[in-house]
N, C-alpha and C. Protein backbone atom coordinates (compact mmCIF):
# COMPACT_ATOMS: atom_id res chain seq x y z
N UNK A 1 111.92 58.93 50.49
CA UNK A 1 111.67 57.50 50.47
C UNK A 1 112.95 56.77 50.05
N UNK A 2 113.29 55.73 50.75
CA UNK A 2 114.50 54.98 50.47
C UNK A 2 114.30 54.10 49.23
N UNK A 3 115.33 54.06 48.42
CA UNK A 3 115.28 53.25 47.21
C UNK A 3 115.76 51.84 47.55
N UNK A 4 115.05 50.84 47.06
CA UNK A 4 115.46 49.46 47.31
C UNK A 4 116.26 48.95 46.12
N UNK A 5 117.14 48.04 46.38
CA UNK A 5 117.99 47.47 45.34
C UNK A 5 117.37 46.17 44.85
N UNK A 6 117.34 46.01 43.55
CA UNK A 6 116.81 44.79 42.95
C UNK A 6 117.94 43.75 42.90
N UNK A 7 118.07 43.00 43.98
CA UNK A 7 119.15 42.03 44.09
C UNK A 7 119.00 40.89 43.09
N UNK A 8 117.76 40.53 42.77
CA UNK A 8 117.54 39.46 41.80
C UNK A 8 118.06 39.86 40.43
N UNK A 9 117.86 41.12 40.06
CA UNK A 9 118.37 41.60 38.77
C UNK A 9 119.89 41.59 38.75
N UNK A 10 120.50 41.97 39.85
CA UNK A 10 121.96 41.95 39.95
C UNK A 10 122.47 40.52 39.83
N UNK A 11 121.81 39.60 40.50
CA UNK A 11 122.23 38.21 40.47
C UNK A 11 122.12 37.61 39.07
N UNK A 12 121.13 38.03 38.31
CA UNK A 12 120.95 37.51 36.95
C UNK A 12 121.89 38.16 35.93
N UNK A 13 122.46 39.28 36.27
CA UNK A 13 123.34 40.02 35.35
C UNK A 13 124.56 39.18 35.01
N UNK A 14 124.83 38.95 33.72
CA UNK A 14 126.00 38.14 33.35
C UNK A 14 127.33 38.74 33.83
N UNK A 15 127.37 40.06 33.96
CA UNK A 15 128.60 40.68 34.47
C UNK A 15 128.82 40.33 35.92
N UNK A 16 127.72 40.24 36.70
CA UNK A 16 127.85 39.84 38.11
C UNK A 16 128.31 38.40 38.20
N UNK A 17 127.75 37.56 37.35
CA UNK A 17 128.15 36.15 37.35
C UNK A 17 129.62 36.00 36.96
N UNK A 18 130.07 36.81 36.00
CA UNK A 18 131.48 36.78 35.61
C UNK A 18 132.36 37.28 36.75
N UNK A 19 131.91 38.34 37.42
CA UNK A 19 132.65 38.87 38.59
C UNK A 19 132.75 37.80 39.67
N UNK A 20 131.64 37.17 39.96
CA UNK A 20 131.61 36.13 41.00
C UNK A 20 132.55 34.98 40.64
N UNK A 21 132.53 34.56 39.39
CA UNK A 21 133.40 33.46 38.96
C UNK A 21 134.88 33.86 39.05
N UNK A 22 135.21 35.07 38.59
CA UNK A 22 136.60 35.56 38.65
C UNK A 22 137.09 35.63 40.09
N UNK A 23 136.24 36.19 40.94
CA UNK A 23 136.61 36.37 42.34
C UNK A 23 136.76 35.01 43.04
N UNK A 24 135.84 34.11 42.78
CA UNK A 24 135.90 32.78 43.39
C UNK A 24 137.15 32.03 42.96
N UNK A 25 137.45 32.07 41.67
CA UNK A 25 138.65 31.40 41.16
C UNK A 25 139.91 31.98 41.79
N UNK A 26 139.96 33.30 41.87
CA UNK A 26 141.12 33.96 42.47
C UNK A 26 141.26 33.60 43.95
N UNK A 27 140.15 33.62 44.68
CA UNK A 27 140.20 33.30 46.10
C UNK A 27 140.61 31.85 46.34
N UNK A 28 140.10 30.93 45.53
CA UNK A 28 140.50 29.53 45.68
C UNK A 28 141.98 29.35 45.40
N UNK A 29 142.50 30.09 44.41
CA UNK A 29 143.94 30.02 44.12
C UNK A 29 144.75 30.47 45.33
N UNK A 30 144.36 31.60 45.91
CA UNK A 30 145.07 32.10 47.09
C UNK A 30 144.93 31.12 48.26
N UNK A 31 143.77 30.53 48.40
CA UNK A 31 143.54 29.59 49.49
C UNK A 31 144.43 28.36 49.35
N UNK A 32 144.54 27.84 48.15
CA UNK A 32 145.38 26.66 47.90
C UNK A 32 146.84 26.98 48.20
N UNK A 33 147.30 28.14 47.73
CA UNK A 33 148.68 28.54 48.00
C UNK A 33 148.93 28.65 49.50
N UNK A 34 148.00 29.28 50.21
CA UNK A 34 148.20 29.48 51.66
C UNK A 34 148.16 28.17 52.43
N UNK A 35 147.27 27.27 52.05
CA UNK A 35 147.18 25.98 52.75
C UNK A 35 148.43 25.15 52.50
N UNK A 36 148.90 25.14 51.26
CA UNK A 36 150.13 24.39 50.96
C UNK A 36 151.30 24.95 51.77
N UNK A 37 151.44 26.27 51.76
CA UNK A 37 152.54 26.87 52.51
C UNK A 37 152.41 26.59 54.01
N UNK A 38 151.19 26.67 54.53
CA UNK A 38 150.95 26.41 55.94
C UNK A 38 151.38 24.99 56.32
N UNK A 39 151.02 24.02 55.50
CA UNK A 39 151.33 22.63 55.84
C UNK A 39 152.78 22.25 55.55
N UNK A 40 153.51 23.10 54.84
CA UNK A 40 154.94 22.82 54.66
C UNK A 40 155.70 22.88 55.99
N UNK A 41 155.23 23.67 56.93
CA UNK A 41 155.91 23.76 58.23
C UNK A 41 155.85 22.43 58.99
N UNK A 42 154.67 21.87 59.26
CA UNK A 42 154.68 20.59 59.99
C UNK A 42 155.26 19.44 59.17
N UNK A 43 155.07 19.47 57.86
CA UNK A 43 155.66 18.41 57.03
C UNK A 43 157.18 18.52 57.05
N UNK A 44 157.68 19.73 56.91
CA UNK A 44 159.13 19.93 56.96
C UNK A 44 159.71 19.55 58.31
N UNK A 45 159.01 19.92 59.38
CA UNK A 45 159.49 19.58 60.72
C UNK A 45 159.48 18.07 60.96
N UNK A 46 158.52 17.38 60.37
CA UNK A 46 158.41 15.94 60.58
C UNK A 46 159.39 15.16 59.71
N UNK A 47 159.54 15.55 58.45
CA UNK A 47 160.34 14.76 57.51
C UNK A 47 161.75 15.30 57.27
N UNK A 48 161.98 16.57 57.58
CA UNK A 48 163.30 17.17 57.38
C UNK A 48 163.76 17.92 58.63
N UNK A 49 163.78 17.24 59.78
CA UNK A 49 164.12 17.94 61.01
C UNK A 49 165.56 18.48 61.02
N UNK A 50 166.46 17.78 60.34
CA UNK A 50 167.85 18.26 60.30
C UNK A 50 167.96 19.60 59.58
N UNK A 51 167.17 19.76 58.54
CA UNK A 51 167.19 21.03 57.82
C UNK A 51 166.62 22.16 58.69
N UNK A 52 165.58 21.85 59.42
CA UNK A 52 164.95 22.86 60.27
C UNK A 52 165.80 23.22 61.48
N UNK A 53 166.77 22.37 61.82
CA UNK A 53 167.65 22.63 62.97
C UNK A 53 168.87 23.47 62.62
N UNK A 54 169.07 23.73 61.34
CA UNK A 54 170.26 24.48 60.91
C UNK A 54 170.24 25.88 61.54
N UNK A 55 171.30 26.19 62.25
CA UNK A 55 171.40 27.51 62.91
C UNK A 55 171.70 28.58 61.87
N UNK A 56 170.99 29.68 61.98
CA UNK A 56 171.18 30.80 61.07
C UNK A 56 171.93 31.92 61.77
N UNK A 57 171.48 32.23 62.99
CA UNK A 57 172.10 33.31 63.76
C UNK A 57 171.77 33.08 65.23
N UNK A 58 172.74 32.79 66.03
CA UNK A 58 172.51 32.53 67.46
C UNK A 58 171.54 31.38 67.63
N UNK A 59 170.49 31.58 68.43
CA UNK A 59 169.51 30.50 68.64
C UNK A 59 168.48 30.40 67.50
N UNK A 60 168.56 31.31 66.54
CA UNK A 60 167.59 31.31 65.44
C UNK A 60 167.98 30.25 64.42
N UNK A 61 167.02 29.38 64.10
CA UNK A 61 167.28 28.33 63.12
C UNK A 61 166.29 28.44 61.95
N UNK A 62 166.47 27.57 60.96
CA UNK A 62 165.63 27.59 59.76
C UNK A 62 164.17 27.36 60.12
N UNK A 63 163.90 26.49 61.07
CA UNK A 63 162.52 26.20 61.48
C UNK A 63 161.81 27.45 62.01
N UNK A 64 162.50 28.20 62.85
CA UNK A 64 161.90 29.43 63.40
C UNK A 64 161.67 30.44 62.29
N UNK A 65 162.64 30.59 61.41
CA UNK A 65 162.48 31.53 60.29
C UNK A 65 161.33 31.12 59.38
N UNK A 66 161.21 29.82 59.13
CA UNK A 66 160.11 29.35 58.29
C UNK A 66 158.77 29.61 58.97
N UNK A 67 158.70 29.35 60.27
CA UNK A 67 157.46 29.61 61.02
C UNK A 67 157.10 31.09 60.97
N UNK A 68 158.08 31.96 61.14
CA UNK A 68 157.81 33.40 61.07
C UNK A 68 157.44 33.83 59.65
N UNK A 69 157.95 33.12 58.66
CA UNK A 69 157.62 33.47 57.28
C UNK A 69 156.13 33.22 56.98
N UNK A 70 155.48 32.41 57.79
CA UNK A 70 154.04 32.20 57.62
C UNK A 70 153.29 33.53 57.73
N UNK A 71 153.74 34.40 58.63
CA UNK A 71 153.12 35.72 58.77
C UNK A 71 153.35 36.57 57.53
N UNK A 72 154.55 36.51 57.00
CA UNK A 72 154.88 37.27 55.79
C UNK A 72 154.01 36.80 54.62
N UNK A 73 153.87 35.50 54.49
CA UNK A 73 153.05 34.95 53.41
C UNK A 73 151.59 35.36 53.59
N UNK A 74 151.09 35.29 54.80
CA UNK A 74 149.70 35.67 55.05
C UNK A 74 149.46 37.14 54.70
N UNK A 75 150.36 38.02 55.12
CA UNK A 75 150.21 39.45 54.81
C UNK A 75 150.37 39.69 53.32
N UNK A 76 151.24 38.96 52.67
CA UNK A 76 151.41 39.10 51.21
C UNK A 76 150.15 38.68 50.48
N UNK A 77 149.57 37.57 50.90
CA UNK A 77 148.33 37.11 50.27
C UNK A 77 147.22 38.13 50.48
N UNK A 78 147.14 38.69 51.68
CA UNK A 78 146.13 39.73 51.94
C UNK A 78 146.36 40.95 51.06
N UNK A 79 147.61 41.34 50.88
CA UNK A 79 147.93 42.50 50.04
C UNK A 79 147.61 42.22 48.58
N UNK A 80 147.91 41.02 48.12
CA UNK A 80 147.61 40.65 46.73
C UNK A 80 146.10 40.69 46.50
N UNK A 81 145.34 40.15 47.46
CA UNK A 81 143.88 40.18 47.31
C UNK A 81 143.36 41.62 47.34
N UNK A 82 143.84 42.41 48.27
CA UNK A 82 143.36 43.80 48.38
C UNK A 82 143.67 44.57 47.10
N UNK A 83 144.84 44.36 46.56
CA UNK A 83 145.21 45.06 45.32
C UNK A 83 144.30 44.66 44.17
N UNK A 84 144.06 43.35 44.01
CA UNK A 84 143.19 42.87 42.93
C UNK A 84 141.75 43.36 43.15
N UNK A 85 141.30 43.31 44.39
CA UNK A 85 139.93 43.76 44.68
C UNK A 85 139.77 45.24 44.38
N UNK A 86 140.74 46.05 44.81
CA UNK A 86 140.65 47.49 44.59
C UNK A 86 140.74 47.85 43.11
N UNK A 87 141.55 47.15 42.37
CA UNK A 87 141.76 47.50 40.96
C UNK A 87 140.74 46.88 40.02
N UNK A 88 140.29 45.68 40.32
CA UNK A 88 139.47 44.97 39.35
C UNK A 88 138.06 44.68 39.87
N UNK A 89 137.96 43.97 40.99
CA UNK A 89 136.66 43.52 41.46
C UNK A 89 135.75 44.69 41.84
N UNK A 90 136.29 45.67 42.55
CA UNK A 90 135.47 46.81 42.97
C UNK A 90 134.97 47.61 41.78
N UNK A 91 135.80 47.76 40.75
CA UNK A 91 135.39 48.49 39.55
C UNK A 91 134.26 47.76 38.84
N UNK A 92 134.38 46.45 38.75
CA UNK A 92 133.34 45.66 38.10
C UNK A 92 132.03 45.75 38.89
N UNK A 93 132.12 45.66 40.21
CA UNK A 93 130.92 45.74 41.06
C UNK A 93 130.29 47.12 40.97
N UNK A 94 131.10 48.16 40.96
CA UNK A 94 130.57 49.53 40.88
C UNK A 94 129.83 49.75 39.57
N UNK A 95 130.34 49.19 38.50
CA UNK A 95 129.68 49.33 37.20
C UNK A 95 128.31 48.65 37.22
N UNK A 96 128.24 47.47 37.79
CA UNK A 96 126.97 46.75 37.88
C UNK A 96 125.97 47.54 38.73
N UNK A 97 126.41 48.01 39.88
CA UNK A 97 125.53 48.78 40.78
C UNK A 97 125.06 50.06 40.10
N UNK A 98 125.96 50.73 39.41
CA UNK A 98 125.59 51.98 38.72
C UNK A 98 124.53 51.72 37.66
N UNK A 99 124.67 50.63 36.93
CA UNK A 99 123.69 50.32 35.88
C UNK A 99 122.35 49.90 36.46
N UNK A 100 122.35 49.21 37.58
CA UNK A 100 121.09 48.79 38.21
C UNK A 100 120.37 49.98 38.82
N UNK A 101 121.15 50.89 39.39
CA UNK A 101 120.54 52.08 40.00
C UNK A 101 120.00 52.97 38.91
């Protein structure tokens, strides 16, 4: 017979609420950083076009490098989240699940 999980008990657990708050705060922080960085590209292109036109190497300019850096920032944010989730959030969740089971 399959065992059912008491989700209401998990939701009421103060450790789950603390986990949810920590995770939400962390995710909002990452979201704010990513949105600010994302909008720096069109803002920079609109208000500082001379800076974005500076040639770095051949046809490559600061604008192209900044646009490509968006990928680096996105992957870095994903790596930061994965590291925090693997080290902290998953351990907290596993403890809650173990105690409920």
